[in-house]
């Protein structure tokens, strides 16, 4: 699918933020690990989150999606069943990483695979860490990547894991560790990236009745053997997806209110509000919404996205359209996402005349140049890159994005949502 983006004059209206993808994944999985029936409200139904829901069904959960968007989930407790077939989790790294540990609670063998991109995502650190907990899991090609074979037998105990590849490894072990025989003591070694995502995991685990102890001054976690409890859970708005709405309102004249964004959210991507405010955009924050009055004149910033790597494409687009230099750093781990996001952002933005330099852990963008123009770019099968390139099109017009439909991974209906709030010259 090719998506052509035309220039917009302003952004106006009131809109509800899409549901959080990260919380939706976790809500579906924890409801499945609980005994009895849970109700998950306002969840995101995207390619990624549906992969988690289908994986949970393969392990024995039953679910029913209601017409009002609610999802009723009958969980399997801490005793999942062995899947009847190979689990294809498509492009969802979150599903693969969390469900690898969860599947170790089932008897027999579980086999995971995914699309070409997913089969390039590193998994060896998680497999090595699980081995210390009694789990025999390995890569079929012995390259530390999927396809994976996981043998049931999650005893628990002490283990460690490097913190510089994916916080999802930590979340995976903690979530399944509550159902292990002995519980888990987990030490995160070295640089602990994207820690807010683990804070999110702890938050929702507690809401489903499981407590995780941790050393507030270090990287140590402990979870006792516990039972997840079924509950009624409402998913909050997603700062990751809302970042494109926030950015659109920042690069143009705007009067936009985004509902369902909570000021006390544990989402690391909430930092997008600080980023655009530091770039010169005016914001008004309430407990459950954000109001943006943009004037379309931004200036460059220096920003560390260590804890919010998914914002790299959004901030890169903002930097391209701002006056002056924007330095994005601390995101070397973004090279291990759906694509090497540092490289693909640099490659595709340069096709539109953006002057930039690729660094090991980020980008240096010389923004606001008159040479920025429309053109044909490629998504590299990365949903976040599609939506970031869309922002450039809103400002300069005539940007054609090839293979653009991958936005469905996290933001179904993204172009329609943007058209609702973007005003063009009549």
Protein backbone atom coordinates (compact mmCIF):
# COMPACT_ATOMS: atom_id res chain seq x y z
CA UNK A 1 0.00 0.00 0.00
CA UNK A 2 1.26 3.48 -0.91
CA UNK A 3 0.22 6.39 1.29
CA UNK A 4 0.52 9.93 -0.07
CA UNK A 5 0.61 12.74 2.49
CA UNK A 6 -0.39 16.27 1.51
CA UNK A 7 0.51 19.48 3.27
CA UNK A 8 -1.78 20.60 6.13
CA UNK A 9 -2.36 24.13 7.41
CA UNK A 10 -3.40 23.44 11.00
CA UNK A 11 -4.39 20.82 13.54
CA UNK A 12 -7.63 21.26 15.47
CA UNK A 13 -10.17 19.39 17.56
CA UNK A 14 -10.53 16.98 20.45
CA UNK A 15 -9.47 13.37 20.08
CA UNK A 16 -8.98 10.35 22.32
CA UNK A 17 -5.50 8.86 22.45
CA UNK A 18 -5.25 5.31 21.13
CA UNK A 19 -5.06 2.66 23.86
CA UNK A 20 -1.62 1.73 25.13
CA UNK A 21 -0.05 -1.10 23.15
CA UNK A 22 2.29 -2.01 25.99
CA UNK A 23 -0.48 -2.16 28.58
CA UNK A 24 -2.79 -4.05 26.20
CA UNK A 25 -0.16 -6.77 25.68
CA UNK A 26 0.34 -7.12 29.40
CA UNK A 27 -3.37 -7.00 30.25
CA UNK A 28 -4.17 -9.84 27.82
CA UNK A 29 -1.31 -11.96 29.15
CA UNK A 30 -1.93 -11.36 32.86
CA UNK A 31 -5.67 -11.95 32.48
CA UNK A 32 -4.77 -15.28 30.87
CA UNK A 33 -2.46 -16.12 33.78
CA UNK A 34 -5.28 -15.41 36.23
CA UNK A 35 -7.91 -17.96 37.20
CA UNK A 36 -11.50 -17.05 36.40
CA UNK A 37 -12.84 -14.32 34.12
CA UNK A 38 -11.32 -10.90 33.63
CA UNK A 39 -12.70 -8.00 31.64
CA UNK A 40 -10.22 -5.84 29.72
CA UNK A 41 -11.69 -2.52 28.58
CA UNK A 42 -10.41 -0.01 26.01
CA UNK A 43 -7.68 -2.36 24.80
CA UNK A 44 -5.79 -1.87 21.56
CA UNK A 45 -6.59 -4.47 18.92
CA UNK A 46 -3.66 -4.26 16.53
CA UNK A 47 -1.53 -6.85 14.75
CA UNK A 48 0.92 -6.90 17.65
CA UNK A 49 -1.56 -7.17 20.51
CA UNK A 50 -3.69 -9.72 18.67
CA UNK A 51 -0.54 -11.84 18.41
CA UNK A 52 -0.41 -11.88 22.22
CA UNK A 53 -4.10 -12.68 22.48
CA UNK A 54 -3.81 -15.55 20.01
CA UNK A 55 -0.73 -16.92 21.77
CA UNK A 56 -2.63 -16.92 25.06
CA UNK A 57 -5.52 -18.75 23.40
CA UNK A 58 -3.10 -21.37 22.07
CA UNK A 59 -1.94 -21.96 25.65
CA UNK A 60 -5.48 -22.47 26.92
CA UNK A 61 -7.10 -19.10 27.56
CA UNK A 62 -10.59 -18.40 26.20
CA UNK A 63 -11.63 -14.94 25.15
CA UNK A 64 -14.62 -13.15 23.73
CA UNK A 65 -14.46 -9.72 22.11
CA UNK A 66 -17.67 -7.78 22.70
CA UNK A 67 -19.14 -5.26 20.30
CA UNK A 68 -18.40 -2.45 22.77
CA UNK A 69 -14.69 -3.24 22.62
CA UNK A 70 -14.49 -5.14 25.88
CA UNK A 71 -12.56 -8.40 25.95
CA UNK A 72 -13.71 -11.16 28.30
CA UNK A 73 -10.84 -13.50 29.11
CA UNK A 74 -11.13 -16.83 30.94
CA UNK A 75 -7.63 -17.51 32.17
CA UNK A 76 -5.67 -20.73 32.51
CA UNK A 77 -4.09 -19.63 35.77
CA UNK A 78 -0.48 -20.65 36.25
CA UNK A 79 -1.08 -23.90 34.33
CA UNK A 80 -1.11 -23.22 30.59
CA UNK A 81 -1.57 -26.06 28.11
CA UNK A 82 0.90 -27.17 25.48
CA UNK A 83 -0.04 -25.55 22.14
CA UNK A 84 -1.30 -27.83 19.39
CA UNK A 85 0.82 -26.12 16.75
CA UNK A 86 3.71 -23.73 16.18
CA UNK A 87 2.98 -20.22 17.48
CA UNK A 88 3.48 -17.61 14.78
CA UNK A 89 3.64 -14.27 16.60
CA UNK A 90 4.08 -12.28 13.35
CA UNK A 91 6.11 -9.10 13.99
CA UNK A 92 5.47 -8.80 17.71
CA UNK A 93 8.69 -8.75 19.72
CA UNK A 94 6.73 -8.13 22.92
CA UNK A 95 4.68 -11.29 22.37
CA UNK A 96 7.74 -13.39 21.57
CA UNK A 97 9.74 -12.21 24.55
CA UNK A 98 7.05 -12.35 27.23
CA UNK A 99 5.41 -15.54 26.00
CA UNK A 100 8.74 -17.37 25.81
CA UNK A 101 8.85 -17.36 29.62
CA UNK A 102 5.11 -17.92 30.01
CA UNK A 103 5.21 -20.97 27.71
CA UNK A 104 7.84 -22.52 29.99
CA UNK A 105 5.02 -22.97 32.54
CA UNK A 106 3.31 -25.43 30.17
CA UNK A 107 4.24 -29.11 29.90
CA UNK A 108 5.82 -30.39 26.72
CA UNK A 109 7.34 -28.17 24.04
CA UNK A 110 6.28 -24.82 22.59
CA UNK A 111 7.69 -23.59 19.28
CA UNK A 112 7.74 -19.89 18.36
CA UNK A 113 8.31 -18.28 14.99
CA UNK A 114 7.48 -14.99 13.30
CA UNK A 115 8.07 -12.89 10.21
CA UNK A 116 11.46 -12.14 8.67
CA UNK A 117 11.97 -9.06 10.83
CA UNK A 118 11.11 -10.84 14.08
CA UNK A 119 13.51 -13.65 13.27
CA UNK A 120 16.33 -11.08 13.43
CA UNK A 121 15.54 -9.93 16.96
CA UNK A 122 18.08 -11.01 19.61
CA UNK A 123 16.84 -13.58 22.16
CA UNK A 124 19.94 -15.34 23.49
CA UNK A 125 20.23 -13.28 26.69
CA UNK A 126 16.70 -14.33 27.69
CA UNK A 127 17.34 -17.98 26.83
CA UNK A 128 20.55 -17.99 28.91
CA UNK A 129 18.84 -16.34 31.87
CA UNK A 130 15.93 -18.79 31.79
CA UNK A 131 18.36 -21.72 31.82
CA UNK A 132 19.36 -20.74 35.37
CA UNK A 133 15.67 -21.01 36.33
CA UNK A 134 15.27 -24.57 35.07
CA UNK A 135 14.02 -23.72 31.58
CA UNK A 136 15.51 -25.52 28.58
CA UNK A 137 14.97 -23.22 25.60
CA UNK A 138 17.04 -22.81 22.47
CA UNK A 139 17.15 -21.36 18.99
CA UNK A 140 16.55 -23.88 16.22
CA UNK A 141 19.42 -22.36 14.23
CA UNK A 142 21.66 -21.88 17.27
CA UNK A 143 21.96 -18.19 16.41
CA UNK A 144 20.13 -16.77 19.42
CA UNK A 145 17.09 -15.86 17.36
CA UNK A 146 13.70 -17.40 16.59
CA UNK A 147 12.42 -19.92 15.69
CA UNK A 148 12.64 -21.03 19.33
CA UNK A 149 11.83 -24.26 21.10
CA UNK A 150 10.85 -23.93 24.76
CA UNK A 151 10.56 -26.97 27.01
CA UNK A 152 8.22 -26.77 29.98
CA UNK A 153 9.77 -26.63 33.45
CA UNK A 154 10.02 -23.22 35.14
CA UNK A 155 11.49 -24.07 38.56
CA UNK A 156 12.65 -20.57 39.53
CA UNK A 157 15.63 -19.47 41.60
CA UNK A 158 18.34 -16.88 41.00
CA UNK A 159 19.41 -15.50 37.66
CA UNK A 160 20.78 -12.41 35.98
CA UNK A 161 20.43 -10.74 32.61
CA UNK A 162 22.19 -7.91 30.75
CA UNK A 163 20.10 -4.75 30.77
CA UNK A 164 21.35 -3.22 27.53
CA UNK A 165 19.34 -5.16 24.90
CA UNK A 166 15.67 -5.20 25.89
CA UNK A 167 13.70 -4.42 29.03
CA UNK A 168 11.15 -6.96 27.72
CA UNK A 169 13.50 -9.72 28.90
CA UNK A 170 13.14 -8.44 32.47
CA UNK A 171 9.36 -8.13 32.18
CA UNK A 172 9.14 -11.63 30.73
CA UNK A 173 10.98 -13.26 33.63
CA UNK A 174 9.07 -11.31 36.30
CA UNK A 175 5.64 -12.06 34.79
CA UNK A 176 6.23 -15.81 34.51
CA UNK A 177 8.37 -15.96 37.64
CA UNK A 178 5.33 -15.37 39.83
CA UNK A 179 4.00 -18.75 38.65
CA UNK A 180 7.27 -20.63 39.15
CA UNK A 181 7.84 -23.18 41.92
CA UNK A 182 10.38 -21.14 43.87
CA UNK A 183 9.86 -17.58 42.70
CA UNK A 184 12.65 -15.56 41.12
CA UNK A 185 15.54 -13.35 42.18
CA UNK A 186 16.64 -11.35 39.15
CA UNK A 187 19.68 -9.11 38.85
CA UNK A 188 19.86 -6.74 35.86
CA UNK A 189 23.50 -6.26 34.95
CA UNK A 190 25.10 -3.20 33.39
CA UNK A 191 23.23 -0.44 31.62
CA UNK A 192 19.48 -0.85 32.28
CA UNK A 193 17.69 0.52 29.20
CA UNK A 194 13.98 1.37 28.97
CA UNK A 195 13.41 0.85 32.70
CA UNK A 196 9.99 2.61 32.62
CA UNK A 197 8.64 -0.39 30.70
CA UNK A 198 9.54 -2.62 33.65
CA UNK A 199 7.86 -0.11 35.95
CA UNK A 200 4.76 -0.52 33.78
CA UNK A 201 5.02 -4.30 34.13
CA UNK A 202 5.28 -4.08 37.90
CA UNK A 203 2.34 -1.69 37.97
CA UNK A 204 -0.04 -3.95 36.06
CA UNK A 205 1.19 -7.09 37.86
CA UNK A 206 0.20 -5.45 41.12
CA UNK A 207 -3.22 -4.61 39.71
CA UNK A 208 -3.66 -8.32 38.91
CA UNK A 209 -2.68 -9.24 42.47
CA UNK A 210 1.05 -9.99 42.20
CA UNK A 211 3.70 -7.99 44.04
CA UNK A 212 7.27 -7.53 42.80
CA UNK A 213 9.90 -6.38 45.31
CA UNK A 214 12.83 -4.40 44.00
CA UNK A 215 15.85 -2.46 45.11
CA UNK A 216 15.02 1.18 44.40
CA UNK A 217 18.70 2.12 44.32
CA UNK A 218 19.83 -0.83 42.18
CA UNK A 219 18.73 -3.35 39.60
CA UNK A 220 17.57 -6.26 41.77
CA UNK A 221 14.05 -7.73 41.61
CA UNK A 222 12.34 -10.45 43.63
CA UNK A 223 8.99 -12.10 43.02
CA UNK A 224 7.57 -14.81 45.29
CA UNK A 225 5.36 -17.63 43.98
CA UNK A 226 1.91 -16.04 43.74
CA UNK A 227 -1.41 -16.33 41.94
CA UNK A 228 -2.73 -13.76 39.52
CA UNK A 229 -6.27 -12.63 40.31
CA UNK A 230 -8.93 -11.97 37.68
CA UNK A 231 -10.18 -8.40 37.55
CA UNK A 232 -11.84 -5.63 35.57
CA UNK A 233 -9.05 -3.61 33.95
CA UNK A 234 -9.17 -0.48 31.78
CA UNK A 235 -6.23 0.26 29.46
CA UNK A 236 -4.93 3.82 29.51
CA UNK A 237 -4.02 5.91 26.47
CA UNK A 238 -0.73 5.31 24.68
CA UNK A 239 1.92 8.04 24.77
CA UNK A 240 3.88 6.23 22.03
CA UNK A 241 1.03 6.46 19.52
CA UNK A 242 -0.10 9.84 20.82
CA UNK A 243 3.39 11.17 20.10
CA UNK A 244 2.43 11.54 16.43
CA UNK A 245 -0.63 13.57 17.36
CA UNK A 246 1.45 15.70 19.73
CA UNK A 247 4.11 16.18 17.07
CA UNK A 248 1.59 17.12 14.37
CA UNK A 249 0.13 19.78 16.65
CA UNK A 250 3.64 21.05 17.39
CA UNK A 251 4.84 21.49 13.79
CA UNK A 252 1.69 23.35 12.66
CA UNK A 253 -0.68 26.01 13.95
CA UNK A 254 -2.88 24.07 16.33
CA UNK A 255 -5.54 23.93 19.00
CA UNK A 256 -5.72 20.23 19.87
CA UNK A 257 -6.91 18.39 22.96
CA UNK A 258 -5.84 14.75 23.41
CA UNK A 259 -7.91 12.84 25.94
CA UNK A 260 -7.04 9.68 27.89
CA UNK A 261 -3.42 10.69 28.51
CA UNK A 262 -2.79 10.47 32.23
CA UNK A 263 -0.33 12.75 33.99
CA UNK A 264 0.60 10.02 36.49
CA UNK A 265 1.27 7.40 33.80
CA UNK A 266 4.35 5.21 34.19
CA UNK A 267 4.92 5.18 30.43
CA UNK A 268 8.43 6.34 29.57
CA UNK A 269 7.20 7.86 26.30
CA UNK A 270 5.41 10.52 28.32
CA UNK A 271 8.68 12.39 27.82
CA UNK A 272 7.38 13.48 24.40
CA UNK A 273 5.54 16.27 26.21
CA UNK A 274 8.80 17.56 27.67
CA UNK A 275 10.50 17.30 24.28
CA UNK A 276 7.99 19.43 22.37
CA UNK A 277 7.71 21.92 25.23
CA UNK A 278 11.51 22.32 25.23
CA UNK A 279 11.30 22.85 21.46
CA UNK A 280 8.98 25.80 22.03
CA UNK A 281 5.44 24.37 21.86
CA UNK A 282 2.82 25.45 24.42
CA UNK A 283 1.09 22.74 26.45
CA UNK A 284 -1.57 22.65 29.14
CA UNK A 285 -1.70 19.46 31.18
CA UNK A 286 -4.60 18.08 33.15
CA UNK A 287 -4.88 14.80 35.04
CA UNK A 288 -6.32 12.95 32.03
CA UNK A 289 -5.72 15.12 28.95
CA UNK A 290 -3.22 17.33 27.15
CA UNK A 291 -4.06 20.57 25.32
CA UNK A 292 -1.61 21.79 22.66
CA UNK A 293 -1.49 25.25 21.16
CA UNK A 294 1.20 25.08 18.51
CA UNK A 295 2.60 27.84 16.33
CA UNK A 296 4.67 25.64 14.04
CA UNK A 297 7.98 27.28 14.98
CA UNK A 298 10.23 24.89 16.86
CA UNK A 299 13.91 24.97 17.71
CA UNK A 300 16.38 22.13 18.06
CA UNK A 301 17.06 20.31 21.33
CA UNK A 302 19.45 17.84 22.88
CA UNK A 303 17.49 14.82 24.06
CA UNK A 304 18.42 11.51 25.69
CA UNK A 305 15.90 8.83 24.67
CA UNK A 306 17.59 6.10 26.70
CA UNK A 307 14.29 5.21 28.40
CA UNK A 308 12.03 5.96 25.43
CA UNK A 309 13.63 4.48 22.28
CA UNK A 310 10.28 4.18 20.47
CA UNK A 311 10.22 7.98 20.26
CA UNK A 312 13.31 8.08 18.05
CA UNK A 313 11.41 8.37 14.72
CA UNK A 314 9.01 10.99 16.13
CA UNK A 315 11.74 13.17 17.57
CA UNK A 316 13.83 12.74 14.43
CA UNK A 317 10.93 14.13 12.37
CA UNK A 318 10.49 17.00 14.82
CA UNK A 319 14.18 17.77 14.65
CA UNK A 320 14.09 17.81 10.85
CA UNK A 321 11.35 20.45 10.91
CA UNK A 322 12.80 22.57 13.73
CA UNK A 323 15.30 25.40 13.35
CA UNK A 324 18.81 24.54 14.46
CA UNK A 325 20.43 21.31 15.53
CA UNK A 326 18.71 18.43 17.33
CA UNK A 327 20.87 15.78 18.97
CA UNK A 328 19.26 12.46 19.82
CA UNK A 329 21.40 10.09 21.85
CA UNK A 330 21.23 7.13 24.24
CA UNK A 331 19.33 4.90 21.81
CA UNK A 332 21.83 2.39 20.45
CA UNK A 333 19.28 -0.28 21.43
CA UNK A 334 16.92 1.18 18.80
CA UNK A 335 19.06 -0.66 16.27
CA UNK A 336 17.43 -3.89 17.48
CA UNK A 337 13.80 -2.91 16.93
CA UNK A 338 11.64 -3.81 13.92
CA UNK A 339 14.52 -2.36 11.91
CA UNK A 340 17.78 -0.67 12.74
CA UNK A 341 15.80 2.47 13.50
CA UNK A 342 18.79 4.78 13.69
CA UNK A 343 19.90 3.80 10.20
CA UNK A 344 16.46 3.63 8.57
CA UNK A 345 15.46 7.01 10.01
CA UNK A 346 18.67 8.52 8.63
CA UNK A 347 18.23 6.83 5.26
CA UNK A 348 14.61 7.82 4.65
CA UNK A 349 14.81 11.35 6.07
CA UNK A 350 17.82 12.03 3.85
CA UNK A 351 15.67 11.14 0.81
CA UNK A 352 13.50 14.14 1.75
CA UNK A 353 16.44 16.54 1.90
CA UNK A 354 17.06 16.39 5.64
CA UNK A 355 20.66 17.10 6.63
CA UNK A 356 21.79 14.69 9.36
CA UNK A 357 24.55 12.54 10.75
CA UNK A 358 24.16 8.98 11.95
CA UNK A 359 25.90 8.22 15.24
CA UNK A 360 26.37 4.92 17.06
CA UNK A 361 23.70 5.77 19.63
CA UNK A 362 21.55 8.29 17.80
CA UNK A 363 21.30 11.08 15.25
CA UNK A 364 22.44 14.66 14.82
CA UNK A 365 19.87 16.51 12.73
CA UNK A 366 20.45 19.92 11.18
CA UNK A 367 16.84 21.00 10.92
CA UNK A 368 14.78 23.69 9.31
CA UNK A 369 16.66 23.70 6.03
CA UNK A 370 14.84 24.99 2.95
CA UNK A 371 16.03 21.92 1.04
CA UNK A 372 13.52 19.65 2.79
CA UNK A 373 11.01 18.46 0.20
CA UNK A 374 8.53 15.77 -0.71
CA UNK A 375 9.49 12.49 -2.26
CA UNK A 376 9.15 8.71 -2.17
CA UNK A 377 10.23 6.87 0.98
CA UNK A 378 9.98 3.32 2.29
CA UNK A 379 8.65 2.00 5.57
CA UNK A 380 11.12 -0.87 5.96
CA UNK A 381 8.10 -2.66 7.49
CA UNK A 382 8.37 -0.38 10.54
CA UNK A 383 5.10 1.09 11.77
CA UNK A 384 6.78 3.90 13.70
CA UNK A 385 8.82 5.01 10.71
CA UNK A 386 5.63 5.28 8.60
CA UNK A 387 3.98 7.59 11.11
CA UNK A 388 7.10 9.72 11.57
CA UNK A 389 7.50 10.21 7.81
CA UNK A 390 3.82 11.15 7.66
CA UNK A 391 4.70 14.15 9.87
CA UNK A 392 7.18 15.42 7.30
CA UNK A 393 4.45 15.18 4.67
CA UNK A 394 2.10 17.30 6.76
CA UNK A 395 4.66 20.12 6.74
CA UNK A 396 6.11 19.96 3.20
CA UNK A 397 3.54 17.95 1.22
CA UNK A 398 3.78 15.25 -1.43
CA UNK A 399 5.45 12.55 0.63
CA UNK A 400 4.71 9.06 -0.69
CA UNK A 401 5.32 6.20 1.74
CA UNK A 402 5.64 2.74 0.23
CA UNK A 403 4.46 -0.32 2.17
CA UNK A 404 2.70 1.99 4.60
CA UNK A 405 -0.04 -0.30 5.90
CA UNK A 406 2.26 -1.57 8.67
CA UNK A 407 0.95 1.27 10.85
CA UNK A 408 -1.72 -1.31 11.78
CA UNK A 409 0.88 -2.93 14.04
CA UNK A 410 0.28 -0.26 16.68
CA UNK A 411 -2.16 2.39 15.39
CA UNK A 412 -5.03 0.96 13.30
CA UNK A 413 -6.78 3.74 11.39
CA UNK A 414 -3.82 6.13 11.72
CA UNK A 415 -4.39 8.04 8.42
CA UNK A 416 -8.11 8.43 9.16
CA UNK A 417 -7.30 9.76 12.62
CA UNK A 418 -4.88 12.31 11.19
CA UNK A 419 -7.40 13.45 8.61
CA UNK A 420 -9.92 14.14 11.37
CA UNK A 421 -7.65 16.68 13.05
CA UNK A 422 -5.65 18.11 10.11
CA UNK A 423 -7.04 21.06 8.22
CA UNK A 424 -5.98 21.81 4.65
CA UNK A 425 -6.30 25.03 2.69
CA UNK A 426 -9.64 25.30 0.87
